[in-house]
């Protein structure tokens, strides 16, 4: 989920080298107002892009609460973690941020909006 301003930010600031050939996960990926996924997949060519959300929908590959990311994917399993306009919907957001850090490889990148 993201709005036009988030997409514009990615267009202006994205470094495709951070995504090329990498394993990417988007937490809160359900398409609501837009998505950075098509942009990243088309221009940055990640090895894998997994969308996770609590509800089925466009750009959701895995239906899963963000509190269960580590149990599902394990630690140090992604090169890039993206989450846009999701945290304000999460009661236990501290746990979710910690889980995003745990599934991220030590040399990885995290994008949170």
N, C-alpha and C. Protein backbone atom coordinates (compact mmCIF):
# COMPACT_ATOMS: atom_id res chain seq x y z
N UNK A 1 0.85 -1.16 0.00
CA UNK A 1 0.00 0.00 0.00
C UNK A 1 0.90 1.23 0.00
N UNK A 2 0.68 2.14 -0.89
CA UNK A 2 1.41 3.41 -0.85
C UNK A 2 0.71 4.44 -1.72
N UNK A 3 1.01 5.69 -1.43
CA UNK A 3 0.40 6.76 -2.21
C UNK A 3 1.39 7.30 -3.23
N UNK A 4 0.94 8.27 -3.98
CA UNK A 4 1.75 8.84 -5.05
C UNK A 4 3.06 9.44 -4.54
N UNK A 5 3.04 10.07 -3.38
CA UNK A 5 4.25 10.68 -2.83
C UNK A 5 5.33 9.63 -2.57
N UNK A 6 4.93 8.46 -2.10
CA UNK A 6 5.90 7.39 -1.84
C UNK A 6 6.49 6.90 -3.16
N UNK A 7 5.66 6.72 -4.16
CA UNK A 7 6.15 6.28 -5.47
C UNK A 7 7.11 7.33 -6.04
N UNK A 8 6.76 8.60 -5.93
CA UNK A 8 7.64 9.67 -6.41
C UNK A 8 8.98 9.65 -5.67
N UNK A 9 8.94 9.41 -4.35
CA UNK A 9 10.18 9.33 -3.58
C UNK A 9 11.07 8.21 -4.11
N UNK A 10 10.49 7.05 -4.36
CA UNK A 10 11.27 5.92 -4.88
C UNK A 10 11.85 6.25 -6.25
N UNK A 11 11.07 6.87 -7.12
CA UNK A 11 11.55 7.22 -8.45
C UNK A 11 12.75 8.16 -8.35
N UNK A 12 12.68 9.12 -7.46
CA UNK A 12 13.74 10.13 -7.34
C UNK A 12 14.96 9.64 -6.55
N UNK A 13 14.78 8.68 -5.66
CA UNK A 13 15.85 8.33 -4.73
C UNK A 13 16.32 6.89 -4.77
N UNK A 14 15.67 6.05 -5.50
CA UNK A 14 16.00 4.63 -5.49
C UNK A 14 17.37 4.37 -6.12
N UNK A 15 18.09 3.46 -5.54
CA UNK A 15 19.36 2.99 -6.09
C UNK A 15 19.13 1.54 -6.49
N UNK A 16 18.97 1.30 -7.77
CA UNK A 16 18.62 -0.04 -8.24
C UNK A 16 19.66 -1.10 -7.85
N UNK A 17 20.89 -0.69 -7.63
CA UNK A 17 21.91 -1.66 -7.23
C UNK A 17 21.56 -2.32 -5.90
N UNK A 18 20.78 -1.63 -5.06
CA UNK A 18 20.37 -2.18 -3.78
C UNK A 18 19.33 -3.30 -3.95
N UNK A 19 18.74 -3.41 -5.14
CA UNK A 19 17.69 -4.39 -5.40
C UNK A 19 18.09 -5.46 -6.41
N UNK A 20 18.98 -5.14 -7.33
CA UNK A 20 19.32 -6.05 -8.43
C UNK A 20 19.85 -7.38 -7.91
N UNK A 21 19.18 -8.45 -8.34
CA UNK A 21 19.60 -9.79 -7.97
C UNK A 21 19.39 -10.12 -6.51
N UNK A 22 18.64 -9.30 -5.80
CA UNK A 22 18.47 -9.46 -4.36
C UNK A 22 17.11 -10.07 -4.03
N UNK A 23 17.01 -10.53 -2.80
CA UNK A 23 15.76 -11.05 -2.27
C UNK A 23 15.06 -9.92 -1.52
N UNK A 24 13.85 -9.56 -1.97
CA UNK A 24 13.11 -8.41 -1.44
C UNK A 24 11.79 -8.89 -0.84
N UNK A 25 11.43 -8.32 0.31
CA UNK A 25 10.12 -8.57 0.90
C UNK A 25 9.45 -7.23 1.16
N UNK A 26 8.17 -7.15 0.83
CA UNK A 26 7.38 -5.96 1.14
C UNK A 26 6.35 -6.36 2.19
N UNK A 27 6.41 -5.73 3.34
CA UNK A 27 5.51 -6.03 4.46
C UNK A 27 4.37 -5.02 4.41
N UNK A 28 3.15 -5.54 4.28
CA UNK A 28 1.99 -4.67 4.07
C UNK A 28 1.84 -4.35 2.60
N UNK A 29 1.88 -5.38 1.77
CA UNK A 29 2.00 -5.21 0.32
C UNK A 29 0.69 -5.07 -0.44
N UNK A 30 -0.44 -5.29 0.22
CA UNK A 30 -1.71 -5.26 -0.50
C UNK A 30 -1.90 -3.93 -1.22
N UNK A 31 -2.27 -4.01 -2.49
CA UNK A 31 -2.48 -2.82 -3.32
C UNK A 31 -3.73 -2.09 -2.84
N UNK A 32 -3.55 -0.87 -2.37
CA UNK A 32 -4.68 -0.04 -1.96
C UNK A 32 -4.68 1.26 -2.75
N UNK A 33 -3.63 2.06 -2.59
CA UNK A 33 -3.54 3.34 -3.29
C UNK A 33 -2.39 3.40 -4.28
N UNK A 34 -1.74 2.30 -4.50
CA UNK A 34 -0.57 2.26 -5.36
C UNK A 34 0.44 1.29 -4.80
N UNK A 35 1.55 1.10 -5.51
CA UNK A 35 2.58 0.17 -5.07
C UNK A 35 3.91 0.51 -5.73
N UNK A 36 4.99 0.30 -4.99
CA UNK A 36 6.32 0.46 -5.57
C UNK A 36 6.78 -0.82 -6.25
N UNK A 37 6.07 -1.91 -6.06
CA UNK A 37 6.48 -3.21 -6.59
C UNK A 37 6.70 -3.20 -8.10
N UNK A 38 5.75 -2.72 -8.92
CA UNK A 38 5.99 -2.74 -10.37
C UNK A 38 7.23 -1.96 -10.78
N UNK A 39 7.46 -0.84 -10.12
CA UNK A 39 8.63 -0.01 -10.40
C UNK A 39 9.92 -0.78 -10.10
N UNK A 40 9.99 -1.39 -8.94
CA UNK A 40 11.19 -2.12 -8.54
C UNK A 40 11.40 -3.35 -9.41
N UNK A 41 10.33 -4.10 -9.67
CA UNK A 41 10.48 -5.31 -10.49
C UNK A 41 10.90 -4.98 -11.92
N UNK A 42 10.35 -3.92 -12.49
CA UNK A 42 10.65 -3.58 -13.88
C UNK A 42 12.05 -3.01 -14.06
N UNK A 43 12.44 -2.08 -13.19
CA UNK A 43 13.69 -1.36 -13.41
C UNK A 43 14.87 -1.88 -12.58
N UNK A 44 14.60 -2.53 -11.47
CA UNK A 44 15.70 -2.93 -10.58
C UNK A 44 15.98 -4.43 -10.59
N UNK A 45 15.10 -5.22 -11.15
CA UNK A 45 15.32 -6.65 -11.38
C UNK A 45 15.79 -7.43 -10.14
N UNK A 46 14.98 -7.45 -9.07
CA UNK A 46 15.36 -8.28 -7.93
C UNK A 46 15.28 -9.77 -8.30
N UNK A 47 16.02 -10.59 -7.58
CA UNK A 47 15.96 -12.04 -7.80
C UNK A 47 14.59 -12.57 -7.40
N UNK A 48 14.06 -12.03 -6.30
CA UNK A 48 12.76 -12.46 -5.79
C UNK A 48 12.11 -11.28 -5.09
N UNK A 49 10.80 -11.16 -5.23
CA UNK A 49 10.03 -10.10 -4.57
C UNK A 49 8.81 -10.76 -3.96
N UNK A 50 8.73 -10.75 -2.64
CA UNK A 50 7.62 -11.38 -1.93
C UNK A 50 6.80 -10.30 -1.24
N UNK A 51 5.50 -10.30 -1.50
CA UNK A 51 4.59 -9.38 -0.83
C UNK A 51 3.85 -10.10 0.27
N UNK A 52 3.84 -9.51 1.46
CA UNK A 52 3.19 -10.10 2.63
C UNK A 52 2.15 -9.12 3.16
N UNK A 53 0.97 -9.64 3.47
CA UNK A 53 -0.09 -8.82 4.07
C UNK A 53 -1.01 -9.72 4.87
N UNK A 54 -1.82 -9.14 5.74
CA UNK A 54 -2.75 -9.93 6.54
C UNK A 54 -3.99 -10.32 5.75
N UNK A 55 -4.20 -9.70 4.60
CA UNK A 55 -5.36 -10.02 3.77
C UNK A 55 -4.92 -10.31 2.34
N UNK A 56 -5.65 -11.20 1.68
CA UNK A 56 -5.39 -11.49 0.27
C UNK A 56 -5.66 -10.25 -0.57
N UNK A 57 -4.97 -10.16 -1.68
CA UNK A 57 -5.20 -9.05 -2.59
C UNK A 57 -4.08 -8.95 -3.61
N UNK A 58 -4.19 -7.96 -4.47
CA UNK A 58 -3.19 -7.71 -5.49
C UNK A 58 -1.84 -7.45 -4.83
N UNK A 59 -0.80 -8.09 -5.34
CA UNK A 59 0.59 -7.99 -4.86
C UNK A 59 0.82 -8.69 -3.52
N UNK A 60 -0.12 -9.50 -3.06
CA UNK A 60 0.07 -10.29 -1.84
C UNK A 60 0.40 -11.72 -2.24
N UNK A 61 1.61 -12.14 -1.93
CA UNK A 61 2.05 -13.51 -2.23
C UNK A 61 1.87 -14.43 -1.03
N UNK A 62 2.00 -13.87 0.16
CA UNK A 62 1.89 -14.65 1.40
C UNK A 62 0.97 -13.89 2.34
N UNK A 63 -0.09 -14.56 2.79
CA UNK A 63 -0.99 -13.97 3.78
C UNK A 63 -0.45 -14.35 5.16
N UNK A 64 -0.05 -13.31 5.91
CA UNK A 64 0.63 -13.55 7.18
C UNK A 64 0.65 -12.26 8.00
N UNK A 65 0.36 -12.34 9.30
CA UNK A 65 0.55 -11.16 10.14
C UNK A 65 2.03 -10.82 10.23
N UNK A 66 2.35 -9.55 10.23
CA UNK A 66 3.75 -9.12 10.28
C UNK A 66 4.45 -9.57 11.56
N UNK A 67 3.68 -9.86 12.58
CA UNK A 67 4.26 -10.36 13.83
C UNK A 67 4.87 -11.74 13.67
N UNK A 68 4.57 -12.43 12.56
CA UNK A 68 5.06 -13.80 12.35
C UNK A 68 6.11 -13.90 11.24
N UNK A 69 6.71 -12.79 10.87
CA UNK A 69 7.72 -12.80 9.80
C UNK A 69 8.90 -13.72 10.10
N UNK A 70 9.42 -13.64 11.31
CA UNK A 70 10.60 -14.44 11.66
C UNK A 70 10.27 -15.92 11.66
N UNK A 71 9.12 -16.28 12.20
CA UNK A 71 8.72 -17.69 12.22
C UNK A 71 8.58 -18.26 10.81
N UNK A 72 8.07 -17.46 9.90
CA UNK A 72 7.84 -17.93 8.52
C UNK A 72 9.11 -17.95 7.69
N UNK A 73 9.92 -16.90 7.77
CA UNK A 73 11.05 -16.75 6.85
C UNK A 73 12.42 -16.96 7.48
N UNK A 74 12.52 -16.86 8.79
CA UNK A 74 13.80 -17.01 9.46
C UNK A 74 14.60 -15.72 9.48
N UNK A 75 15.61 -15.70 10.33
CA UNK A 75 16.46 -14.51 10.45
C UNK A 75 17.43 -14.41 9.27
N UNK A 76 17.84 -13.18 8.97
CA UNK A 76 18.84 -12.91 7.93
C UNK A 76 18.47 -13.50 6.57
N UNK A 77 17.21 -13.40 6.19
CA UNK A 77 16.74 -14.07 4.97
C UNK A 77 16.45 -13.14 3.80
N UNK A 78 16.48 -11.81 4.00
CA UNK A 78 16.18 -10.88 2.91
C UNK A 78 17.25 -9.80 2.82
N UNK A 79 17.51 -9.38 1.58
CA UNK A 79 18.46 -8.29 1.33
C UNK A 79 17.81 -6.93 1.49
N UNK A 80 16.51 -6.86 1.22
CA UNK A 80 15.77 -5.59 1.30
C UNK A 80 14.41 -5.85 1.93
N UNK A 81 14.03 -5.00 2.87
CA UNK A 81 12.70 -5.02 3.47
C UNK A 81 12.05 -3.66 3.18
N UNK A 82 10.84 -3.70 2.65
CA UNK A 82 10.08 -2.48 2.34
C UNK A 82 8.77 -2.53 3.11
N UNK A 83 8.39 -1.40 3.68
CA UNK A 83 7.08 -1.30 4.32
C UNK A 83 6.60 0.14 4.19
N UNK A 84 5.52 0.34 3.45
CA UNK A 84 4.99 1.68 3.26
C UNK A 84 3.56 1.76 3.78
N UNK A 85 3.30 2.78 4.55
CA UNK A 85 1.96 3.08 5.06
C UNK A 85 1.30 1.88 5.73
N UNK A 86 2.06 1.17 6.54
CA UNK A 86 1.53 -0.01 7.20
C UNK A 86 1.58 0.09 8.71
N UNK A 87 2.63 0.65 9.25
CA UNK A 87 2.85 0.61 10.70
C UNK A 87 1.74 1.28 11.51
N UNK A 88 1.11 2.29 10.94
CA UNK A 88 0.04 2.96 11.69
C UNK A 88 -1.18 2.07 11.89
N UNK A 89 -1.22 0.93 11.20
CA UNK A 89 -2.33 -0.01 11.35
C UNK A 89 -2.01 -1.16 12.31
N UNK A 90 -0.81 -1.16 12.87
CA UNK A 90 -0.34 -2.26 13.71
C UNK A 90 -0.31 -1.83 15.17
N UNK A 91 -0.97 -2.60 16.02
CA UNK A 91 -0.99 -2.29 17.45
C UNK A 91 0.40 -2.47 18.06
N UNK A 92 1.03 -3.61 17.79
CA UNK A 92 2.35 -3.91 18.36
C UNK A 92 3.44 -3.60 17.34
N UNK A 93 3.54 -2.34 16.95
CA UNK A 93 4.46 -1.94 15.88
C UNK A 93 5.92 -2.14 16.26
N UNK A 94 6.25 -2.08 17.53
CA UNK A 94 7.64 -2.31 17.94
C UNK A 94 8.09 -3.73 17.60
N UNK A 95 7.22 -4.69 17.84
CA UNK A 95 7.53 -6.08 17.50
C UNK A 95 7.69 -6.24 16.00
N UNK A 96 6.83 -5.60 15.23
CA UNK A 96 6.90 -5.70 13.78
C UNK A 96 8.20 -5.09 13.25
N UNK A 97 8.59 -3.94 13.76
CA UNK A 97 9.86 -3.33 13.33
C UNK A 97 11.02 -4.24 13.70
N UNK A 98 10.99 -4.80 14.89
CA UNK A 98 12.05 -5.72 15.30
C UNK A 98 12.09 -6.94 14.38
N UNK A 99 10.94 -7.48 14.02
CA UNK A 99 10.89 -8.62 13.10
C UNK A 99 11.44 -8.26 11.73
N UNK A 100 11.16 -7.05 11.26
CA UNK A 100 11.72 -6.62 9.98
C UNK A 100 13.24 -6.56 10.06
N UNK A 101 13.76 -6.08 11.17
CA UNK A 101 15.22 -6.05 11.36
C UNK A 101 15.79 -7.46 11.41
N UNK A 102 15.08 -8.38 12.05
CA UNK A 102 15.59 -9.75 12.19
C UNK A 102 15.62 -10.51 10.86
N UNK A 103 14.64 -10.30 9.99
CA UNK A 103 14.65 -11.02 8.71
C UNK A 103 15.60 -10.39 7.70
N UNK A 104 16.10 -9.19 8.01
CA UNK A 104 17.02 -8.48 7.13
C UNK A 104 18.45 -8.98 7.33
N UNK A 105 19.14 -9.24 6.23
CA UNK A 105 20.55 -9.63 6.31
C UNK A 105 21.35 -8.46 6.89
N UNK A 106 22.49 -8.75 7.54
CA UNK A 106 23.29 -7.69 8.16
C UNK A 106 23.70 -6.57 7.20
N UNK A 107 23.89 -6.88 5.94
CA UNK A 107 24.29 -5.86 4.97
C UNK A 107 23.12 -5.34 4.15
N UNK A 108 21.89 -5.64 4.60
CA UNK A 108 20.70 -5.29 3.84
C UNK A 108 20.22 -3.86 4.05
N UNK A 109 19.14 -3.55 3.35
CA UNK A 109 18.52 -2.22 3.38
C UNK A 109 17.08 -2.35 3.81
N UNK A 110 16.61 -1.37 4.57
CA UNK A 110 15.21 -1.35 4.96
C UNK A 110 14.63 0.02 4.61
N UNK A 111 13.47 0.00 3.98
CA UNK A 111 12.75 1.21 3.59
C UNK A 111 11.41 1.20 4.33
N UNK A 112 11.22 2.16 5.22
CA UNK A 112 9.97 2.26 5.97
C UNK A 112 9.39 3.65 5.76
N UNK A 113 8.09 3.69 5.45
CA UNK A 113 7.39 4.97 5.33
C UNK A 113 6.18 4.91 6.24
